[in-house]
Protein backbone atom coordinates (compact mmCIF):
# COMPACT_ATOMS: atom_id res chain seq x y z
CA MET A 1 -5.31 23.26 6.11
CA LYS A 2 -8.98 21.14 6.38
CA LEU A 3 -10.36 18.99 3.27
CA SER A 4 -13.43 21.17 3.67
CA THR A 5 -11.58 24.28 3.36
CA ARG A 6 -9.56 22.94 0.46
CA PHE A 7 -13.05 21.91 -1.15
CA ALA A 8 -14.65 25.63 -0.45
CA LEU A 9 -11.41 27.22 -1.94
CA CYS A 10 -11.74 24.50 -4.88
CA VAL A 11 -15.27 25.24 -5.70
CA ALA A 12 -14.98 29.36 -5.20
CA LEU A 13 -12.37 29.48 -7.69
CA LEU A 14 -13.73 26.79 -10.23
CA VAL A 15 -17.38 28.15 -10.51
CA PRO A 16 -15.97 31.85 -11.05
CA LEU A 17 -13.80 30.32 -13.61
CA LEU A 18 -16.44 28.66 -15.24
CA VAL A 19 -18.92 31.57 -15.28
CA GLY A 20 -16.31 33.99 -16.29
CA GLY A 21 -15.22 31.96 -19.06
CA ALA A 22 -18.37 31.33 -20.39
CA GLY A 23 -19.59 34.88 -19.93
CA LEU A 24 -16.33 35.80 -21.94
CA LEU A 25 -16.66 33.71 -24.71
CA ILE A 26 -20.60 35.08 -24.86
CA VAL A 27 -19.58 38.57 -24.65
CA HIS A 28 -16.89 38.14 -27.44
CA LEU A 29 -19.80 36.45 -29.37
CA SER A 30 -22.16 39.43 -28.64
CA VAL A 31 -19.35 41.93 -29.29
CA GLU A 32 -19.17 40.36 -32.70
CA ASP A 33 -22.70 40.39 -33.51
CA LEU A 34 -22.66 43.86 -32.40
CA TYR A 35 -20.04 44.89 -34.54
CA THR A 36 -21.48 42.91 -37.61
CA ALA A 37 -24.90 44.36 -36.83
CA ARG A 38 -23.38 47.92 -37.18
CA ASP A 39 -21.80 47.29 -40.40
CA GLN A 40 -24.66 45.80 -41.79
CA ARG A 41 -26.87 48.71 -40.77
CA LEU A 42 -24.16 51.14 -42.21
CA THR A 43 -24.51 49.40 -45.26
CA GLN A 44 -28.24 49.27 -45.46
CA ARG A 45 -28.25 52.85 -44.71
CA LEU A 46 -25.97 53.48 -47.42
CA GLN A 47 -28.24 51.51 -50.00
CA SER A 48 -31.31 53.33 -48.62
CA LEU A 49 -30.05 56.87 -49.13
CA THR A 50 -28.37 56.38 -52.47
CA PRO A 51 -31.38 57.28 -54.62
CA LEU A 52 -32.28 60.23 -52.39
CA ALA A 53 -28.52 61.65 -52.45
CA VAL A 54 -28.75 61.36 -56.41
CA ASN A 55 -32.03 63.34 -56.19
CA TYR A 56 -29.91 65.96 -54.03
CA ALA A 57 -27.27 66.27 -56.17
CA GLN A 58 -29.55 66.93 -59.55
CA ARG A 59 -31.39 70.00 -57.62
CA PRO A 60 -30.67 73.61 -58.96
CA VAL A 61 -31.03 74.67 -54.90
CA ARG A 62 -28.56 73.36 -52.12
CA ILE A 63 -29.90 73.60 -48.84
CA ARG A 64 -27.49 72.62 -45.81
CA PRO A 65 -29.30 71.32 -43.06
CA ALA A 66 -28.17 72.14 -39.55
CA GLU A 67 -25.95 69.17 -38.10
CA GLY A 68 -27.62 67.08 -35.86
CA GLU A 69 -26.50 66.13 -31.84
CA THR A 70 -27.08 62.40 -32.97
CA ALA A 71 -23.94 59.56 -32.99
CA GLU A 72 -24.92 59.05 -36.52
CA GLY A 73 -24.68 61.06 -39.71
CA VAL A 74 -25.17 61.44 -43.71
CA TYR A 75 -22.92 63.43 -45.88
CA VAL A 76 -23.68 63.91 -49.75
CA ASP A 77 -20.74 65.48 -51.53
CA PRO A 78 -22.29 66.65 -54.79
CA VAL A 79 -20.03 67.80 -57.80
CA ARG A 80 -21.79 71.01 -58.05
CA GLY A 81 -23.44 72.58 -55.20
CA GLN A 82 -23.60 72.65 -51.67
CA PRO A 83 -22.67 69.52 -49.66
CA LEU A 84 -25.75 67.74 -47.41
CA THR A 85 -25.08 67.15 -43.70
CA ILE A 86 -27.56 65.25 -41.83
CA GLY A 87 -26.57 64.35 -38.26
CA ALA A 88 -23.26 64.12 -37.07
CA VAL A 89 -20.19 63.72 -39.36
CA PRO A 90 -16.46 63.89 -38.71
CA PRO A 91 -14.73 67.47 -39.64
CA GLU A 92 -12.67 65.77 -42.02
CA LEU A 93 -13.77 63.18 -44.53
CA PRO A 94 -11.86 60.13 -44.35
CA THR A 95 -10.58 57.97 -47.30
CA PRO A 96 -13.42 56.76 -49.37
CA SER A 97 -14.43 53.04 -48.63
CA THR A 98 -17.46 50.95 -50.18
CA VAL A 99 -17.11 48.42 -47.14
CA PRO A 100 -17.21 49.47 -43.65
CA ALA A 101 -14.01 51.03 -42.15
CA THR A 102 -12.65 52.95 -39.13
CA SER A 103 -11.38 56.31 -39.27
CA GLY A 104 -10.19 57.34 -35.47
CA THR A 105 -13.92 57.19 -33.64
CA TRP A 106 -15.92 56.91 -36.74
CA ARG A 107 -16.92 53.87 -38.59
CA TYR A 108 -18.29 54.55 -42.06
CA VAL A 109 -18.71 53.63 -45.49
CA SER A 110 -19.26 55.55 -48.85
CA THR A 111 -20.40 54.97 -52.38
CA ASP A 112 -19.77 56.45 -55.66
CA LEU A 113 -22.80 58.49 -57.19
CA GLY A 114 -21.24 58.38 -60.71
CA ARG A 115 -20.79 62.08 -62.22
CA ARG A 116 -23.04 63.37 -59.51
CA GLY A 117 -20.98 62.92 -56.33
CA ARG A 118 -20.46 60.79 -53.47
CA LEU A 119 -22.47 59.76 -50.34
CA TRP A 120 -21.13 58.94 -46.77
CA VAL A 121 -22.64 57.28 -43.97
CA PHE A 122 -21.03 57.74 -40.61
CA GLU A 123 -21.51 56.15 -36.83
CA GLN A 124 -19.61 56.96 -33.81
CA GLN A 125 -17.89 54.16 -32.03
CA ARG A 126 -18.57 55.70 -28.36
CA PRO A 127 -22.52 54.28 -28.06
CA LEU A 128 -21.07 50.97 -29.13
CA ASP A 129 -18.13 51.16 -27.00
CA ALA A 130 -20.30 51.85 -24.09
CA GLN A 131 -22.64 49.29 -24.88
CA ILE A 132 -19.60 46.44 -24.95
CA SER A 133 -18.27 48.12 -21.57
CA ASP A 134 -21.59 47.53 -20.03
CA LEU A 135 -21.38 43.73 -20.93
CA TYR A 136 -18.23 43.30 -19.36
CA ASP A 137 -19.58 45.12 -16.13
CA GLN A 138 -22.32 42.71 -16.10
CA LEU A 139 -20.11 39.80 -16.89
CA LEU A 140 -17.90 41.16 -13.70
CA ILE A 141 -20.47 41.77 -11.41
CA ALA A 142 -21.86 38.19 -12.36
CA THR A 143 -18.26 36.75 -11.57
CA LEU A 144 -17.96 38.07 -8.19
CA ILE A 145 -21.60 36.83 -7.34
CA ALA A 146 -20.29 33.49 -8.58
CA LEU A 147 -17.24 33.73 -6.33
CA ALA A 148 -19.17 34.46 -3.16
CA VAL A 149 -21.70 31.78 -3.80
CA GLY A 150 -19.13 29.38 -4.92
CA ALA A 151 -17.23 30.04 -1.81
CA VAL A 152 -20.19 29.78 0.49
CA ALA A 153 -21.65 26.37 -1.50
CA GLY A 154 -18.02 24.86 -1.59
CA LEU A 155 -17.87 25.24 2.12
CA ALA A 156 -21.55 23.88 2.61
CA LEU A 157 -21.05 20.98 0.30
CA GLY A 158 -17.52 20.32 1.39
CA ARG A 159 -18.70 19.71 5.20
CA PHE A 160 -21.59 17.74 4.30
CA ALA A 161 -19.18 15.59 1.65
CA LEU A 162 -16.65 15.25 4.37
CA ARG A 163 -18.90 14.45 7.22
CA PRO A 164 -18.01 10.82 7.30
CA LEU A 165 -14.65 11.26 7.24
CA ALA A 166 -15.11 13.88 10.20
CA ARG A 167 -16.92 11.02 12.13
CA LEU A 168 -14.28 8.62 11.16
CA THR A 169 -11.55 11.09 12.53
CA ARG A 170 -13.53 11.45 15.80
CA ALA A 171 -13.65 7.59 16.13
CA ILE A 172 -9.81 7.37 15.44
CA ARG A 173 -9.10 9.91 17.70
CA ALA A 174 -11.51 8.54 20.57
CA GLY A 175 -9.85 5.17 20.19
CA ASN A 176 -13.16 3.48 20.91
CA GLY A 177 -12.63 -0.09 19.42
CA ARG A 178 -13.05 -0.70 15.66
CA LEU A 179 -14.19 1.76 13.25
CA THR A 180 -17.81 1.03 11.63
CA ARG A 181 -17.97 0.71 8.01
CA LYS A 182 -21.65 1.77 7.47
CA THR A 183 -21.20 5.39 6.16
CA ARG A 184 -22.60 4.31 2.75
CA ALA A 185 -19.50 6.16 1.30
CA ARG A 186 -17.31 3.36 -0.31
CA GLU A 187 -13.89 5.47 0.18
CA ILE A 188 -14.87 6.10 3.62
CA ASP A 189 -15.72 2.34 4.66
CA GLU A 190 -12.60 1.26 2.38
CA LEU A 191 -10.52 3.74 4.71
CA ALA A 192 -12.19 2.58 7.73
CA GLY A 193 -11.53 -1.23 6.55
CA LEU A 194 -7.82 -0.42 6.19
CA VAL A 195 -7.65 1.08 9.63
CA ASN A 196 -9.44 -1.69 11.09
CA GLY A 197 -6.88 -4.06 9.53
CA LEU A 198 -4.01 -1.94 10.86
CA LEU A 199 -5.34 -1.95 14.21
CA ASP A 200 -5.85 -5.55 14.32
CA ARG A 201 -1.94 -5.97 13.14
CA ARG A 202 -1.03 -3.56 15.89
CA ASP A 203 -3.09 -5.80 18.41
CA GLU A 204 -1.55 -8.85 16.71
CA ALA A 205 2.17 -7.32 16.98
CA VAL A 206 1.67 -6.34 20.74
CA HIS A 207 0.40 -9.69 21.40
CA ARG A 208 3.08 -11.43 19.94
CA THR A 209 5.70 -9.19 21.48
CA ALA A 210 4.28 -9.51 25.01
CA GLU A 211 4.37 -13.44 24.43
CA ALA A 212 7.81 -13.36 23.06
CA LEU A 213 8.99 -11.31 25.97
CA GLU A 214 7.66 -13.74 28.56
CA THR A 215 8.44 -16.88 26.45
CA ALA A 216 12.07 -15.16 25.96
CA ARG A 217 12.22 -14.51 29.98
CA ALA A 218 11.29 -17.95 30.73
CA PHE A 219 13.72 -19.29 28.05
CA ALA A 220 16.67 -17.27 29.36
CA ALA A 221 15.86 -18.26 32.80
CA THR A 222 15.85 -21.92 31.82
CA ALA A 223 18.87 -21.90 29.58
CA ALA A 224 20.88 -20.16 32.91
CA HIS A 225 19.56 -22.59 35.02
CA GLU A 226 20.75 -25.61 32.43
CA LEU A 227 23.83 -24.01 31.71
CA ARG A 228 24.64 -23.19 35.47
CA THR A 229 24.98 -26.94 36.00
CA PRO A 230 27.84 -27.99 33.44
CA LEU A 231 29.50 -24.94 34.34
CA THR A 232 29.65 -25.09 37.73
CA SER A 233 30.89 -28.91 37.39
CA MET A 234 33.50 -27.34 35.07
CA GLY A 235 34.68 -24.86 37.46
CA GLY A 236 34.92 -27.19 40.48
CA ASN A 237 37.20 -29.73 38.21
CA ILE A 238 39.25 -26.79 37.29
CA THR A 239 39.68 -25.97 40.78
CA LEU A 240 40.69 -29.75 41.12
CA LEU A 241 43.25 -29.54 38.38
CA GLY A 242 44.89 -26.84 40.49
CA TYR A 243 45.94 -28.85 43.16
CA PRO A 244 49.55 -29.92 43.00
CA ASN A 245 49.31 -33.16 44.81
CA LEU A 246 46.51 -34.41 42.49
CA PRO A 247 47.25 -38.03 41.58
CA PRO A 248 47.89 -38.91 37.98
CA GLU A 249 44.66 -41.16 37.81
CA GLU A 250 42.29 -38.90 39.08
CA ARG A 251 43.50 -35.92 37.17
CA VAL A 252 42.54 -37.85 34.07
CA GLY A 253 39.26 -38.64 35.53
CA VAL A 254 38.85 -34.57 36.08
CA ILE A 255 40.01 -33.86 32.56
CA ARG A 256 37.59 -36.65 30.96
CA ASP A 257 34.88 -35.00 33.23
CA LEU A 258 35.80 -31.67 31.87
CA ALA A 259 35.71 -32.93 28.10
CA VAL A 260 31.92 -34.36 28.99
CA GLU A 261 30.88 -31.20 30.15
CA GLN A 262 32.22 -29.02 27.82
CA ALA A 263 30.65 -31.23 25.16
CA ARG A 264 27.45 -30.90 27.24
CA VAL A 265 27.48 -26.93 27.05
CA GLU A 266 28.34 -27.14 23.46
CA ARG A 267 25.57 -29.19 22.47
CA LEU A 268 23.46 -27.22 24.55
CA ILE A 269 24.54 -23.85 22.95
CA THR A 270 24.20 -25.46 19.49
CA MET A 271 20.54 -26.39 19.84
CA LEU A 272 19.69 -23.00 21.52
CA ARG A 273 21.31 -21.57 18.08
CA GLN A 274 19.15 -23.65 16.36
CA LEU A 275 15.88 -23.03 18.08
CA ALA A 276 16.49 -19.52 17.83
CA ARG A 277 17.09 -19.61 14.04
CA GLY A 278 13.87 -21.75 13.51
CA GLU A 279 11.72 -19.37 15.90
CA LEU A 280 10.77 -17.26 12.82
CA MET A 281 10.35 -18.72 9.38
CA GLU A 282 9.53 -16.32 6.54
CA PRO A 283 6.71 -17.43 4.15
CA ASP A 284 9.03 -16.37 1.16
CA SER A 285 11.49 -19.02 2.34
CA LEU A 286 9.17 -21.81 1.61
CA LYS A 287 9.62 -24.32 -1.62
CA ASP A 288 9.07 -27.37 -2.77
CA VAL A 289 11.37 -30.23 -1.13
CA ASP A 290 11.61 -33.67 -1.48
CA LEU A 291 11.30 -35.23 1.87
CA ALA A 292 12.47 -38.66 0.92
CA GLY A 293 15.75 -37.02 -0.24
CA VAL A 294 16.26 -34.88 2.54
CA SER A 295 15.57 -38.13 4.75
CA GLU A 296 18.26 -40.03 2.86
CA VAL A 297 20.82 -37.62 3.08
CA ALA A 298 20.37 -37.18 6.86
CA VAL A 299 20.42 -41.11 7.36
CA GLN A 300 23.73 -41.31 5.50
CA GLU A 301 25.41 -38.45 7.54
CA ALA A 302 23.87 -40.13 10.95
CA THR A 303 25.33 -43.30 9.90
CA ARG A 304 28.92 -41.84 9.70
CA ARG A 305 28.31 -39.91 13.27
CA HIS A 306 26.95 -42.83 15.18
CA ARG A 307 29.04 -45.94 13.78
CA HIS A 308 27.39 -47.99 17.14
CA ALA A 309 23.98 -47.39 15.40
CA ARG A 310 22.18 -49.17 12.52
CA PHE A 311 19.99 -47.36 10.14
CA ALA A 312 17.42 -48.45 7.98
CA ALA A 313 15.47 -46.32 5.83
CA HIS A 314 12.31 -47.31 3.87
CA LEU A 315 11.83 -44.50 1.36
CA PRO A 316 9.57 -43.66 -1.81
CA ASP A 317 10.95 -42.32 -4.93
CA SER A 318 9.99 -39.03 -3.93
CA ALA A 319 7.73 -37.16 -1.51
CA MET A 320 7.18 -33.55 -2.14
CA VAL A 321 6.43 -31.36 0.39
CA ARG A 322 6.07 -27.46 0.80
CA GLY A 323 8.29 -26.43 3.44
CA TRP A 324 11.77 -24.63 4.50
CA PRO A 325 14.75 -26.96 3.46
CA ASP A 326 16.48 -26.33 6.34
CA GLY A 327 13.74 -26.76 8.77
CA LEU A 328 12.83 -30.18 7.48
CA ARG A 329 16.07 -31.30 7.84
CA MET A 330 16.24 -30.18 11.27
CA ILE A 331 13.51 -32.57 12.07
CA VAL A 332 14.95 -35.75 10.26
CA ASP A 333 18.37 -35.08 11.90
CA ASN A 334 17.07 -34.18 15.24
CA LEU A 335 14.68 -37.68 15.35
CA LEU A 336 17.60 -39.69 14.15
CA GLU A 337 19.95 -38.00 16.53
CA ASN A 338 17.59 -38.77 19.39
CA ALA A 339 17.07 -42.13 18.62
CA ALA A 340 20.59 -42.92 18.05
CA VAL A 341 21.19 -41.20 21.55
CA HIS A 342 18.46 -42.80 23.59
CA GLY A 343 17.51 -45.86 21.64
CA VAL A 344 19.71 -48.12 23.19
CA SER A 345 18.36 -51.58 23.55
CA PRO A 346 19.15 -53.88 26.71
CA GLN A 347 21.75 -55.69 24.60
CA GLY A 348 23.50 -52.35 24.27
CA THR A 349 22.73 -52.23 20.73
CA VAL A 350 20.89 -49.21 18.67
CA ARG A 351 18.46 -49.90 15.53
CA VAL A 352 16.72 -46.91 14.08
CA ASP A 353 14.05 -47.47 11.43
CA LEU A 354 13.09 -44.27 9.36
CA THR A 355 10.02 -44.60 7.01
CA VAL A 356 8.66 -41.70 4.77
CA ARG A 357 5.29 -42.27 2.75
CA VAL A 358 2.68 -40.48 1.17
CA GLU A 359 -1.23 -40.67 2.00
CA GLY A 360 -3.70 -38.27 0.34
CA THR A 361 -2.78 -34.74 1.08
CA VAL A 362 -0.26 -35.50 3.89
CA ALA A 363 3.31 -36.96 3.67
CA LEU A 364 4.11 -39.06 6.82
CA LEU A 365 7.59 -39.51 8.53
CA ARG A 366 7.96 -41.97 11.39
CA VAL A 367 11.59 -42.82 13.24
CA ALA A 368 11.44 -45.83 15.38
CA ASP A 369 13.88 -47.49 17.64
CA ASP A 370 14.25 -50.42 19.89
CA GLY A 371 15.35 -48.70 23.21
CA PRO A 372 13.64 -48.39 26.51
CA GLY A 373 10.84 -46.02 25.16
CA MET A 374 8.99 -43.84 27.66
CA PRO A 375 6.00 -43.68 29.53
CA ARG A 376 2.64 -42.76 27.94
CA GLU A 377 1.95 -39.83 30.33
CA LEU A 378 5.09 -38.50 29.55
CA HIS A 379 4.61 -38.15 25.84
CA GLN A 380 3.02 -34.86 25.58
CA GLU A 381 5.81 -33.32 28.37
CA ALA A 382 8.66 -34.67 26.58
CA PHE A 383 8.12 -31.44 23.84
CA ASN A 384 8.88 -29.15 26.33
CA ARG A 385 11.85 -27.15 26.80
CA PHE A 386 14.83 -29.05 28.62
CA SER A 387 12.45 -31.66 29.21
CA ARG A 388 14.68 -35.11 29.82
CA ARG A 389 14.72 -37.87 32.15
CA ALA A 390 17.78 -38.06 34.98
CA GLY A 391 21.02 -38.81 33.75
CA SER A 392 20.08 -38.55 30.27
CA PRO A 393 22.92 -37.17 27.84
CA GLY A 394 20.95 -35.14 26.01
CA THR A 395 20.11 -31.37 26.18
CA GLY A 396 16.33 -31.60 26.48
CA LEU A 397 15.60 -29.27 23.08
CA GLY A 398 15.98 -32.21 20.45
CA LEU A 399 12.14 -32.94 20.65
CA THR A 400 11.34 -29.33 21.20
CA LEU A 401 12.99 -28.20 18.10
CA ILE A 402 11.15 -30.85 16.06
CA HIS A 403 7.79 -29.81 17.67
CA GLN A 404 8.78 -26.06 16.66
CA GLN A 405 9.52 -26.88 12.89
CA VAL A 406 6.81 -29.23 12.29
CA VAL A 407 4.27 -26.70 14.10
CA LEU A 408 5.55 -23.81 11.76
CA HIS A 409 5.07 -26.36 8.66
CA GLY A 410 1.51 -26.60 9.63
CA GLY A 411 1.98 -30.35 10.62
CA THR A 412 1.66 -32.31 13.79
CA VAL A 413 3.93 -34.77 15.79
CA GLU A 414 3.31 -37.14 18.42
CA ILE A 415 4.88 -40.25 20.41
CA GLU A 416 2.97 -43.33 19.16
CA PRO A 417 1.81 -45.92 21.97
CA SER A 418 4.03 -48.93 21.97
CA PRO A 419 2.94 -52.13 23.42
CA GLY A 420 6.43 -53.22 23.81
CA ARG A 421 9.90 -51.80 23.98
CA GLY A 422 11.04 -48.65 21.89
CA LEU A 423 9.92 -45.20 20.89
CA SER A 424 8.25 -44.24 17.84
CA VAL A 425 7.79 -40.89 16.64
CA LEU A 426 5.43 -39.89 13.84
CA VAL A 427 5.27 -36.55 11.79
CA GLN A 428 2.30 -35.65 9.59
CA MET A 429 3.27 -32.79 6.92
CA PRO A 430 0.72 -31.33 4.58
CA ILE A 431 2.14 -31.55 1.25
CA ALA A 432 0.67 -28.08 -0.13
CA TRP A 433 0.76 -26.27 2.90
CA ARG A 434 0.34 -22.29 2.96
CA PRO A 435 0.52 -20.00 5.80
CA ASP A 436 -3.17 -18.68 6.62
CA GLY A 437 -3.58 -15.00 5.98
CA PRO A 438 -1.27 -12.20 5.97
CA SER A 439 1.63 -12.24 8.34
CA ASP A 440 5.11 -10.71 8.53
CA GLY A 441 6.28 -14.43 9.70
CA LEU A 442 5.29 -17.45 11.39
CA SER A 443 6.14 -17.41 15.21
CA TRP A 444 6.13 -20.61 16.67
CA LEU A 445 6.22 -18.93 20.16
CA SER A 446 2.32 -17.98 19.43
CA LEU A 447 1.32 -21.00 17.79
CA HIS A 448 2.80 -23.20 20.30
CA GLN A 449 0.92 -21.54 22.90
CA LYS A 450 -2.52 -22.55 21.00
CA LEU A 451 -1.54 -26.39 21.04
């Protein structure tokens, strides 16, 4: 059922109810007034006729006038002589009453004339009942007229009032861009705003889905390519192990190669899992985290993993930032891992310096090593997936994972130019970062494309 039809039905029912209710109240009050006026009239007539009835009862000659055809009557019942009847009276006298009373279809009142007799004043109910019936008939006619007028007016007013909503419905059905919000009807404008918001979120979701699908395709293709190389090598080595005449020293070398390739595949799968885990970060998971404390724990664990490397941490008492604890830990762990694996100096030693400090509204995290470094023209490319130099033991995802988490935390990461040897990576994280605007989550896929 249309809203305009509902509005018309509501008006068509409400107006007659209001008219009928008010009419019933007025008719009820009018009926009470009619009854009161009739009783007052009977009492007044009784009072005015009492002297005449006394004179009549004292006359020696009694005359009985003919009964009239009116609805009112007077009856004088003297102690001596003939009764006097004027107008219409009931055939049998009711019980005497000094106040207005009802007997059958008659309303009456009487008074005692002392020793001379009794006076009765009568009035039939029929004329007053007919008058009251006319009032109810008029009320019914007025209610029916109000019903018709209310239905027509309700339909017209409903269509007029819902015209902006009808235009909004047509605009939504047509699907031509965003809806206008200049109808001068606040509720309609708010609804148009909500619909526009839904359309914006739909478009954003479609865009993000398209980006995610495209990125997933490229990601899957690259991951398959990266996995194919070690798996192919492992397959060849396994085939070699099947030869019965393979010398023992070569068998040991093949097994060693298999272990290296297996470790490479395991590292690659681990990094892919971490990258997928960090792809979507919910704003509800953000909390205050001490970056200095996270870095201290990460340095301690990196020292146990890499016995050949020397780690030095320069940390303040605290460096509180707003972020995802696991994501911040990923950043520090991968910076240290990257430096420990690639930062080997010409002397074969590894020294890693980690520094955390707070400057204004940002927290700075710097990890530097004294390894061979990286050409400046490759600094930006190094953050791409599976980007690594020839012969590198890494997976090519360490800096990608760092970049992902930094972007999701609203920060920046860069490889600092180095005049000498070594590599220095600087991460800047906002201390009181908040996601901008409403979102179901923060996707690195879309943010990464904007950078």
